[in-house]
Amino acid sequence: MKTSIEKKVRSGERGVAMALALFVMAAMMVGATSALFVGADDIQASRNYRGAAQAHFAAESGLTHALQTINAVGVVNFQNEIVDEWDDNWFGATEQSFALAGYEYTLTPIGDATNPSQLGWIRATATGPENVRNVTVARVQQSSIPGTAPGAIYLANTAPTDTEFMGNTNFVIDGKDYQMDGTLEPGGTAVPGIGTRTEANTQEALDELAQNQNNLDNVQGLGYQAGPPIIPSVKTVPTGANAAQLDALIDSLLDEPVVNNYAVDSINNSNKTSFEYPNCGIGCCTDGNSNPKISHFTAEDFTIKANGNVEGCGIMIIEGNLDIQGSINFAGLILVRGGTTISDNSELGIQGNPLIYGSLWTSNLDMTFGGSGMVKYSSDALAFANSVITLGAVPAPLNVVALVNCAQVPAGTAGCP
C-alpha cells in the first residue's frame, strides 16, 4: 500500500513530461530554423558565386568578341584606329548580349600613355541577374606579324559597285601567294582574287564576269575551280575593313613622318624621272635596292598616263580616284579612298598595263580591265610595305599579353576602374 508521502511526490511531478516535450520541440524548431537559415545562406552564396562566375565568363566572352572583330581587320595604330574610332567604327557603348539569358557586356578600349600606338587595354564589363557584375581587362599589344590581305583586290565599300570586264582581255587578278619573280611562294596561303564587303557586290562582279565566259578563269585565288564550270575567285569578306576603317588606317599612315606628299594629278613622260631610280619617288626595291616609301597623291583624280611607265614599292595612297592608263610595276600595298579604273579603250589606244604584286584596297570600285593588267597577291611584296615603318605599316592583329579579373586586383590598376 502506497503511503501518503509517495502520493504527494507523484502528484508534484505531473506536467513535467509536457514541459520536457515542449522544450525538446522548441530546441528542434530552433535547430531546424537555424538549418534553414544556414541552408538559405549557402544557397544564396552558391547563387552569388555562380552568378559572379557566369558574369566573368560573359566578360571574357566579350573580350574574345572584341579581339576577333579587331583582328579580322588589324591595327597599325591602336590609339588612332581603335580608341579614337570606337564609337563610330567598332562597338561604342552599346551593350552586347551573352549566350546566357540576362547577361550582357560592354566593351571599352583604353590607350597606354607610354606607347598609345602599340599598347593598350580592352575592358569588358559584364552584368547579370541579381545585380551580379564582373570587370575583366585584356592587356593588348600590336603583333609584329602583319595580317593577311582580304584579297588581291579588295573593295571596302558596302555601297553598290560597278565592275566591268571588257572583252576577252589578258587581265589577271590572282589571290595565290606569289614571290615577286612570278613564282608561287612555297607554303603560301591564297586569298580571294577579288574580295568584297557584301554578297550583293560579290554577285555583281560574278555577273559581269559571266557575261563573257572567256574571262571567268582570269580571276583566280581562294575558292577558284577550273571546272567545268569555272568558278572564279570572287568572295565576300565581311570581316575586312569597311570604308570608315580604311579611312582610319590611311589617316594613321599619313601621321607618319616618312610620308612623301605629291600634289601632281598624274605620272607621265614629263615628270616620271622624279619617281624613277635613283630618285625613287614611290620607292625602289629592285636590282639590290631596298628603299620602300609611303607615297601620298593628294589630287582629286590621279592618273598614270600611257607614257608614265614607272616602278615603285612600299605603300601608295591615293586620295581621290585612281585611273591607270599606262604601265606601272609596284610591289606593296595600294590604298585608294576613291574608285579604281584600269582603262581599256582600244579606239583611243589607252590600255592600262599595271603589274602589281601585293594588294590593292579601294573604297569604291569602277574596274575596267584591259591590256595585260595584273594584280597578284604577294606576302613578300607586302613585307616591303610593312617595313616602311619601324613598328609595321600593314594592319596586324592584337596579342593578349595579360588577362586580369578586376575583382582580384586593387582598383585603378592594370586597366581596371
Protein backbone atom coordinates (compact mmCIF):
# COMPACT_ATOMS: atom_id res chain seq x y z
CA MET A 1 0.00 0.00 0.00
CA LYS A 2 1.35 3.44 -1.07
CA THR A 3 1.91 5.92 1.65
CA SER A 4 0.55 9.39 1.62
CA ILE A 5 4.09 10.72 1.14
CA GLU A 6 4.54 8.78 -2.14
CA LYS A 7 1.21 10.03 -3.39
CA LYS A 8 2.28 13.65 -2.75
CA VAL A 9 5.61 13.23 -4.62
CA ARG A 10 3.97 11.78 -7.73
CA SER A 11 1.31 14.39 -7.65
CA GLY A 12 4.04 17.08 -7.75
CA GLU A 13 5.59 15.52 -10.89
CA ARG A 14 2.51 15.98 -13.03
CA GLY A 15 3.22 18.14 -16.25
CA VAL A 16 6.99 17.53 -16.30
CA ALA A 17 6.74 15.31 -19.40
CA MET A 18 4.87 18.01 -21.28
CA ALA A 19 7.41 20.63 -20.30
CA LEU A 20 10.21 18.39 -21.48
CA ALA A 21 8.38 17.69 -24.71
CA LEU A 22 7.82 21.39 -25.30
CA PHE A 23 11.47 22.12 -24.59
CA VAL A 24 12.62 19.44 -27.00
CA MET A 25 10.21 20.67 -29.68
CA ALA A 26 11.40 24.24 -29.20
CA ALA A 27 15.01 23.11 -29.44
CA MET A 28 14.22 21.19 -32.61
CA MET A 29 12.44 24.20 -34.10
CA VAL A 30 15.43 26.42 -33.30
CA GLY A 31 17.73 23.85 -34.83
CA ALA A 32 15.53 23.48 -37.92
CA THR A 33 15.21 27.24 -38.30
CA SER A 34 18.96 27.66 -37.97
CA ALA A 35 19.49 24.94 -40.51
CA LEU A 36 17.08 26.65 -42.88
CA PHE A 37 18.88 29.97 -42.46
CA VAL A 38 22.27 28.36 -42.97
CA GLY A 39 20.94 26.45 -45.95
CA ALA A 40 19.43 29.61 -47.42
CA ASP A 41 22.72 31.43 -46.89
CA ASP A 42 24.58 28.57 -48.56
CA ILE A 43 22.15 28.61 -51.46
CA GLN A 44 22.49 32.40 -51.81
CA ALA A 45 26.25 32.15 -51.55
CA SER A 46 26.24 29.44 -54.21
CA ARG A 47 23.98 31.55 -56.44
CA ASN A 48 26.20 34.58 -55.91
CA TYR A 49 29.29 32.53 -56.70
CA ARG A 50 27.66 31.02 -59.77
CA GLY A 51 26.39 34.45 -60.90
CA ALA A 52 29.83 36.01 -60.41
CA ALA A 53 31.44 33.15 -62.32
CA GLN A 54 28.94 33.46 -65.16
CA ALA A 55 29.45 37.23 -65.26
CA HIS A 56 33.19 36.60 -65.50
CA PHE A 57 32.60 34.17 -68.36
CA ALA A 58 30.46 36.82 -70.06
CA ALA A 59 33.24 39.39 -69.66
CA GLU A 60 35.84 37.02 -71.11
CA SER A 61 33.47 36.24 -73.97
CA GLY A 62 33.19 39.97 -74.63
CA LEU A 63 36.97 40.29 -74.83
CA THR A 64 37.11 37.37 -77.26
CA HIS A 65 34.40 39.02 -79.37
CA ALA A 66 36.30 42.30 -79.43
CA LEU A 67 39.63 40.72 -80.33
CA GLN A 68 38.17 38.56 -83.10
CA THR A 69 36.45 41.58 -84.63
CA ILE A 70 39.51 43.84 -84.40
CA ASN A 71 41.98 41.20 -85.57
CA ALA A 72 39.91 40.43 -88.66
CA VAL A 73 40.85 43.96 -89.80
CA GLY A 74 44.15 44.51 -87.99
CA VAL A 75 45.71 47.61 -86.48
CA VAL A 76 48.52 49.97 -87.36
CA ASN A 77 47.88 52.48 -84.57
CA PHE A 78 45.80 51.31 -81.58
CA GLN A 79 45.01 54.84 -80.39
CA ASN A 80 44.01 56.24 -83.79
CA GLU A 81 42.14 53.28 -85.23
CA ILE A 82 40.62 51.67 -82.13
CA VAL A 83 40.36 54.10 -79.21
CA ASP A 84 39.51 57.22 -81.26
CA GLU A 85 37.18 55.35 -83.64
CA TRP A 86 35.46 53.08 -81.09
CA ASP A 87 32.07 54.80 -81.15
CA ASP A 88 31.90 55.22 -84.94
CA ASN A 89 33.61 52.12 -86.34
CA TRP A 90 33.51 49.46 -83.61
CA PHE A 91 31.29 48.67 -80.59
CA GLY A 92 30.75 52.02 -78.87
CA ALA A 93 28.93 51.88 -75.51
CA THR A 94 26.21 49.51 -76.76
CA GLU A 95 25.50 46.53 -74.52
CA GLN A 96 26.22 43.22 -76.20
CA SER A 97 24.17 40.11 -75.43
CA PHE A 98 25.72 36.97 -73.93
CA ALA A 99 24.56 33.41 -74.53
CA LEU A 100 23.07 33.10 -71.01
CA ALA A 101 19.76 34.93 -70.62
CA GLY A 102 20.01 38.13 -68.62
CA TYR A 103 23.78 38.60 -69.07
CA GLU A 104 25.25 41.45 -71.10
CA TYR A 105 28.61 43.13 -71.52
CA THR A 106 30.01 46.45 -72.68
CA LEU A 107 33.48 47.00 -74.11
CA THR A 108 35.87 49.90 -73.64
CA PRO A 109 39.34 50.42 -75.21
CA ILE A 110 41.97 52.27 -73.21
CA GLY A 111 45.18 53.66 -74.69
CA ASP A 112 48.54 53.39 -72.96
CA ALA A 113 50.05 56.83 -72.39
CA THR A 114 53.58 55.45 -72.70
CA ASN A 115 53.03 53.88 -76.13
CA PRO A 116 49.48 54.60 -77.38
CA SER A 117 50.07 53.32 -80.91
CA GLN A 118 51.18 49.83 -79.89
CA LEU A 119 49.88 49.17 -76.38
CA GLY A 120 46.58 49.41 -74.55
CA TRP A 121 43.78 47.62 -72.73
CA ILE A 122 40.34 46.39 -73.69
CA ARG A 123 37.95 46.35 -70.73
CA ALA A 124 34.82 44.19 -70.60
CA THR A 125 32.14 44.98 -68.01
CA ALA A 126 29.57 42.20 -67.64
CA THR A 127 26.29 42.35 -65.72
CA GLY A 128 23.63 39.78 -64.94
CA PRO A 129 20.62 38.86 -62.79
CA GLU A 130 20.54 39.89 -59.11
CA ASN A 131 23.00 42.71 -59.87
CA VAL A 132 25.99 40.44 -60.42
CA ARG A 133 28.86 42.25 -62.09
CA ASN A 134 32.37 41.47 -63.26
CA VAL A 135 35.06 43.55 -64.94
CA THR A 136 37.85 41.79 -66.84
CA VAL A 137 40.65 43.52 -68.74
CA ALA A 138 42.92 42.27 -71.51
CA ARG A 139 46.31 43.91 -71.88
CA VAL A 140 46.97 44.04 -75.64
CA GLN A 141 49.95 44.74 -77.84
CA GLN A 142 50.20 45.01 -81.60
CA SER A 143 51.75 41.95 -83.18
CA SER A 144 54.94 42.28 -85.20
CA ILE A 145 53.48 39.91 -87.80
CA PRO A 146 51.08 41.60 -90.25
CA GLY A 147 47.71 40.09 -91.01
CA THR A 148 46.61 38.63 -94.33
CA ALA A 149 45.13 40.87 -97.00
CA PRO A 150 41.39 40.34 -97.69
CA GLY A 151 42.07 39.92 -101.40
CA ALA A 152 44.43 40.72 -104.25
CA ILE A 153 41.87 43.47 -104.89
CA TYR A 154 39.61 44.42 -102.01
CA LEU A 155 36.51 46.60 -102.10
CA ALA A 156 35.88 48.15 -98.69
CA ASN A 157 32.64 49.95 -99.52
CA THR A 158 29.22 48.44 -98.85
CA ALA A 159 27.55 50.66 -101.45
CA PRO A 160 26.66 49.07 -104.81
CA THR A 161 29.59 48.82 -107.20
CA ASP A 162 30.02 48.85 -110.94
CA THR A 163 32.59 46.29 -112.02
CA GLU A 164 33.24 45.84 -115.73
CA PHE A 165 35.45 43.38 -117.56
CA MET A 166 35.99 44.33 -121.18
CA GLY A 167 36.10 41.63 -123.86
CA ASN A 168 38.40 38.63 -123.83
CA THR A 169 41.38 40.52 -122.47
CA ASN A 170 44.56 39.23 -120.86
CA PHE A 171 44.00 40.73 -117.42
CA VAL A 172 44.88 38.64 -114.38
CA ILE A 173 43.66 39.04 -110.82
CA ASP A 174 45.19 36.31 -108.72
CA GLY A 175 44.94 35.68 -104.98
CA LYS A 176 47.55 32.91 -104.88
CA ASP A 177 50.63 33.96 -102.92
CA TYR A 178 53.41 34.96 -105.34
CA GLN A 179 57.03 35.85 -104.99
CA MET A 180 57.99 38.91 -106.97
CA ASP A 181 59.75 36.86 -109.63
CA GLY A 182 56.35 35.47 -110.58
CA THR A 183 56.78 32.08 -108.89
CA LEU A 184 54.48 30.88 -106.14
CA GLU A 185 55.52 31.37 -102.52
CA PRO A 186 56.34 27.93 -101.01
CA GLY A 187 53.71 27.21 -98.39
CA GLY A 188 51.92 30.46 -99.18
CA THR A 189 48.24 30.93 -98.30
CA ALA A 190 45.81 32.02 -101.00
CA VAL A 191 43.34 34.89 -100.58
CA PRO A 192 40.38 35.83 -102.81
CA GLY A 193 41.25 37.31 -106.18
CA ILE A 194 38.55 39.91 -105.57
CA GLY A 195 37.20 40.42 -102.06
CA THR A 196 34.10 42.50 -101.34
CA ARG A 197 32.22 43.58 -98.21
CA THR A 198 28.78 42.38 -99.32
CA GLU A 199 27.17 39.45 -101.08
CA ALA A 200 25.46 41.89 -103.47
CA ASN A 201 28.80 43.29 -104.67
CA THR A 202 30.25 39.79 -104.95
CA GLN A 203 27.33 38.75 -107.12
CA GLU A 204 27.63 41.89 -109.25
CA ALA A 205 31.26 41.07 -110.06
CA LEU A 206 30.38 37.44 -110.80
CA ASP A 207 27.53 38.52 -113.09
CA GLU A 208 29.87 40.83 -115.00
CA LEU A 209 32.42 38.06 -115.43
CA ALA A 210 29.71 35.66 -116.61
CA GLN A 211 28.78 37.99 -119.50
CA ASN A 212 31.98 36.86 -121.19
CA GLN A 213 32.73 33.26 -120.29
CA ASN A 214 36.32 33.67 -121.50
CA ASN A 215 37.03 35.97 -118.56
CA LEU A 216 35.99 33.53 -115.84
CA ASP A 217 39.45 31.99 -115.42
CA ASN A 218 41.13 35.41 -115.24
CA VAL A 219 40.21 35.79 -111.55
CA GLN A 220 41.91 33.10 -109.50
CA GLY A 221 42.82 32.54 -105.87
CA LEU A 222 40.96 31.18 -102.86
CA GLY A 223 37.98 29.07 -103.95
CA TYR A 224 38.82 29.11 -107.66
CA GLN A 225 37.76 26.00 -109.54
CA ALA A 226 38.87 25.23 -113.10
CA GLY A 227 35.62 23.38 -113.68
CA PRO A 228 33.71 22.85 -115.72
CA PRO A 229 32.02 25.01 -114.79
CA ILE A 230 34.73 27.56 -114.00
CA ILE A 231 34.23 29.24 -110.62
CA PRO A 232 36.23 32.48 -110.33
CA SER A 233 37.71 33.61 -107.03
CA VAL A 234 35.31 36.39 -106.01
CA LYS A 235 34.49 36.19 -102.31
CA THR A 236 32.57 38.13 -99.68
CA VAL A 237 34.88 39.14 -96.82
CA PRO A 238 32.53 40.75 -94.26
CA THR A 239 35.27 40.89 -91.64
CA GLY A 240 37.57 43.04 -93.77
CA ALA A 241 37.95 46.75 -93.19
CA ASN A 242 34.90 48.83 -94.05
CA ALA A 243 35.28 52.21 -95.75
CA ALA A 244 35.49 54.11 -92.45
CA GLN A 245 38.09 51.70 -91.07
CA LEU A 246 40.08 52.02 -94.29
CA ASP A 247 39.98 55.80 -93.86
CA ALA A 248 41.24 55.45 -90.28
CA LEU A 249 44.07 53.20 -91.46
CA ILE A 250 45.07 55.72 -94.12
CA ASP A 251 44.95 58.55 -91.59
CA SER A 252 47.25 56.58 -89.27
CA LEU A 253 49.76 56.08 -92.07
CA LEU A 254 49.61 59.74 -93.07
CA ASP A 255 50.55 60.71 -89.50
CA GLU A 256 53.93 59.09 -90.03
CA PRO A 257 56.86 61.50 -90.62
CA VAL A 258 58.19 59.41 -93.54
CA VAL A 259 55.23 60.21 -95.86
CA ASN A 260 56.08 61.79 -99.22
CA ASN A 261 53.25 64.05 -100.41
CA TYR A 262 52.70 64.76 -104.10
CA ALA A 263 50.21 67.29 -105.46
CA VAL A 264 50.56 66.15 -109.10
CA ASP A 265 47.48 64.73 -110.78
CA SER A 266 49.40 62.30 -113.00
CA ILE A 267 52.63 60.47 -113.66
CA ASN A 268 53.56 60.97 -117.28
CA ASN A 269 56.58 61.23 -119.56
CA SER A 270 57.42 64.77 -118.44
CA ASN A 271 57.62 64.06 -114.71
CA LYS A 272 58.27 60.35 -114.39
CA THR A 273 62.02 60.80 -113.74
CA SER A 274 61.10 62.17 -110.28
CA PHE A 275 59.61 58.80 -109.42
CA GLU A 276 62.24 56.55 -111.03
CA TYR A 277 65.58 55.31 -109.74
CA PRO A 278 67.71 56.88 -108.31
CA ASN A 279 65.09 59.44 -107.12
CA CYS A 280 62.78 56.59 -106.06
CA GLY A 281 59.78 58.89 -105.53
CA ILE A 282 57.47 55.92 -104.99
CA GLY A 283 60.19 53.62 -103.68
CA CYS A 284 62.79 51.34 -105.24
CA CYS A 285 63.07 47.66 -104.47
CA THR A 286 64.83 46.14 -107.48
CA ASP A 287 68.42 45.48 -108.52
CA GLY A 288 69.59 45.15 -104.95
CA ASN A 289 67.94 48.37 -103.77
CA SER A 290 65.54 48.31 -100.84
CA ASN A 291 64.03 51.72 -100.36
CA PRO A 292 60.26 51.33 -99.89
CA LYS A 293 58.29 54.52 -99.27
CA ILE A 294 54.86 55.86 -98.37
CA SER A 295 53.76 57.91 -101.38
CA HIS A 296 50.70 60.11 -100.93
CA PHE A 297 48.99 61.58 -104.01
CA THR A 298 46.64 64.36 -102.93
CA ALA A 299 44.88 65.24 -106.21
CA GLU A 300 41.15 64.57 -106.51
CA ASP A 301 41.84 62.37 -109.54
CA PHE A 302 45.19 60.74 -110.16
CA THR A 303 46.17 59.16 -113.48
CA ILE A 304 49.11 57.11 -114.62
CA LYS A 305 49.30 58.12 -118.28
CA ALA A 306 50.11 55.90 -121.21
CA ASN A 307 53.76 57.02 -121.19
CA GLY A 308 54.13 57.19 -117.43
CA ASN A 309 55.91 53.87 -117.07
CA VAL A 310 57.34 53.69 -113.55
CA GLU A 311 58.30 51.25 -110.84
CA GLY A 312 57.88 51.56 -107.10
CA CYS A 313 57.40 49.74 -103.81
CA GLY A 314 56.07 50.30 -100.32
CA ILE A 315 52.69 51.96 -99.84
CA MET A 316 50.86 54.18 -102.33
CA ILE A 317 47.93 56.23 -101.03
CA ILE A 318 45.54 57.87 -103.49
CA GLU A 319 43.20 60.49 -102.01
CA GLY A 320 40.76 60.54 -104.93
CA ASN A 321 40.17 58.23 -107.89
CA LEU A 322 42.94 56.17 -109.47
CA ASP A 323 42.96 55.70 -113.25
CA ILE A 324 45.75 53.56 -114.69
CA GLN A 325 46.07 54.27 -118.41
CA GLY A 326 49.72 53.29 -118.74
CA SER A 327 52.18 50.94 -117.13
CA ILE A 328 53.27 50.72 -113.52
CA ASN A 329 55.15 48.00 -111.71
CA PHE A 330 54.52 48.24 -107.99
CA ALA A 331 55.28 45.96 -105.05
CA GLY A 332 53.38 46.54 -101.83
CA LEU A 333 50.05 47.97 -100.72
CA ILE A 334 47.94 50.45 -102.71
CA LEU A 335 45.17 52.24 -100.78
CA VAL A 336 42.60 54.27 -102.71
CA ARG A 337 39.98 56.43 -100.98
CA GLY A 338 38.02 56.78 -104.21
CA GLY A 339 37.39 54.48 -107.18
CA THR A 340 39.86 52.47 -109.23
CA THR A 341 39.88 52.12 -113.00
CA ILE A 342 42.31 50.20 -115.16
CA SER A 343 41.38 51.58 -118.54
CA ASP A 344 40.76 49.75 -121.77
CA ASN A 345 39.85 51.99 -124.69
CA SER A 346 41.21 50.46 -127.89
CA GLU A 347 39.82 53.29 -130.02
CA LEU A 348 41.94 55.82 -128.12
CA GLY A 349 44.86 53.47 -127.74
CA ILE A 350 44.56 53.53 -123.98
CA GLN A 351 45.31 50.31 -122.18
CA GLY A 352 46.26 50.09 -118.54
CA ASN A 353 49.08 47.61 -118.04
CA PRO A 354 49.89 47.51 -114.34
CA LEU A 355 51.88 44.75 -112.73
CA ILE A 356 51.08 44.94 -109.06
CA TYR A 357 52.41 42.48 -106.52
CA GLY A 358 50.85 42.80 -103.08
CA SER A 359 47.30 44.04 -102.66
CA LEU A 360 45.08 46.91 -103.78
CA TRP A 361 42.32 48.19 -101.45
CA THR A 362 39.79 50.69 -102.67
CA SER A 363 36.77 52.46 -101.17
CA ASN A 364 34.87 52.08 -104.41
CA LEU A 365 35.50 50.05 -107.49
CA ASP A 366 34.80 51.01 -111.08
CA MET A 367 37.02 48.38 -112.60
CA THR A 368 37.60 48.07 -116.31
CA PHE A 369 40.42 45.66 -117.07
CA GLY A 370 42.22 45.74 -120.39
CA GLY A 371 45.62 45.12 -121.90
CA SER A 372 47.72 42.86 -119.73
CA GLY A 373 46.82 44.30 -116.35
CA MET A 374 47.87 42.03 -113.50
CA VAL A 375 47.27 42.27 -109.78
CA LYS A 376 48.81 39.38 -107.86
CA TYR A 377 48.69 38.86 -104.13
CA SER A 378 52.18 38.64 -102.62
CA SER A 379 53.13 38.36 -98.97
CA ASP A 380 56.71 39.16 -100.00
CA ALA A 381 55.60 42.43 -101.55
CA LEU A 382 53.52 43.30 -98.50
CA ALA A 383 56.66 42.78 -96.41
CA PHE A 384 58.14 45.77 -98.28
CA ALA A 385 55.07 47.78 -97.36
CA ASN A 386 55.32 46.68 -93.73
CA SER A 387 58.97 47.71 -93.48
CA VAL A 388 58.24 51.35 -94.33
CA ILE A 389 57.53 51.99 -90.64
CA THR A 390 59.74 50.53 -87.93
CA LEU A 391 56.84 49.02 -85.99
CA GLY A 392 54.97 47.90 -89.12
CA ALA A 393 52.73 49.64 -91.64
CA VAL A 394 50.42 46.78 -92.65
CA PRO A 395 47.48 46.10 -90.28
CA ALA A 396 48.44 43.49 -87.69
CA PRO A 397 46.44 41.61 -85.04
CA LEU A 398 46.47 42.39 -81.33
CA ASN A 399 48.13 39.92 -78.98
CA VAL A 400 46.88 39.45 -75.41
CA VAL A 401 49.84 39.73 -73.03
CA ALA A 402 47.82 39.63 -69.78
CA LEU A 403 44.27 38.92 -68.63
CA VAL A 404 43.12 40.45 -65.33
CA ASN A 405 39.98 39.83 -63.28
CA CYS A 406 39.44 43.23 -61.66
CA ALA A 407 37.83 41.59 -58.60
CA GLN A 408 41.27 40.26 -57.71
CA VAL A 409 43.45 43.38 -58.03
CA PRO A 410 43.42 46.82 -56.41
CA ALA A 411 41.12 49.39 -58.02
CA GLY A 412 42.78 51.64 -60.58
CA THR A 413 45.47 49.13 -61.59
CA ALA A 414 46.00 47.03 -64.72
CA GLY A 415 43.35 48.95 -66.65
CA CYS A 416 40.68 48.26 -64.01
CA PRO A 417 38.31 51.01 -62.86
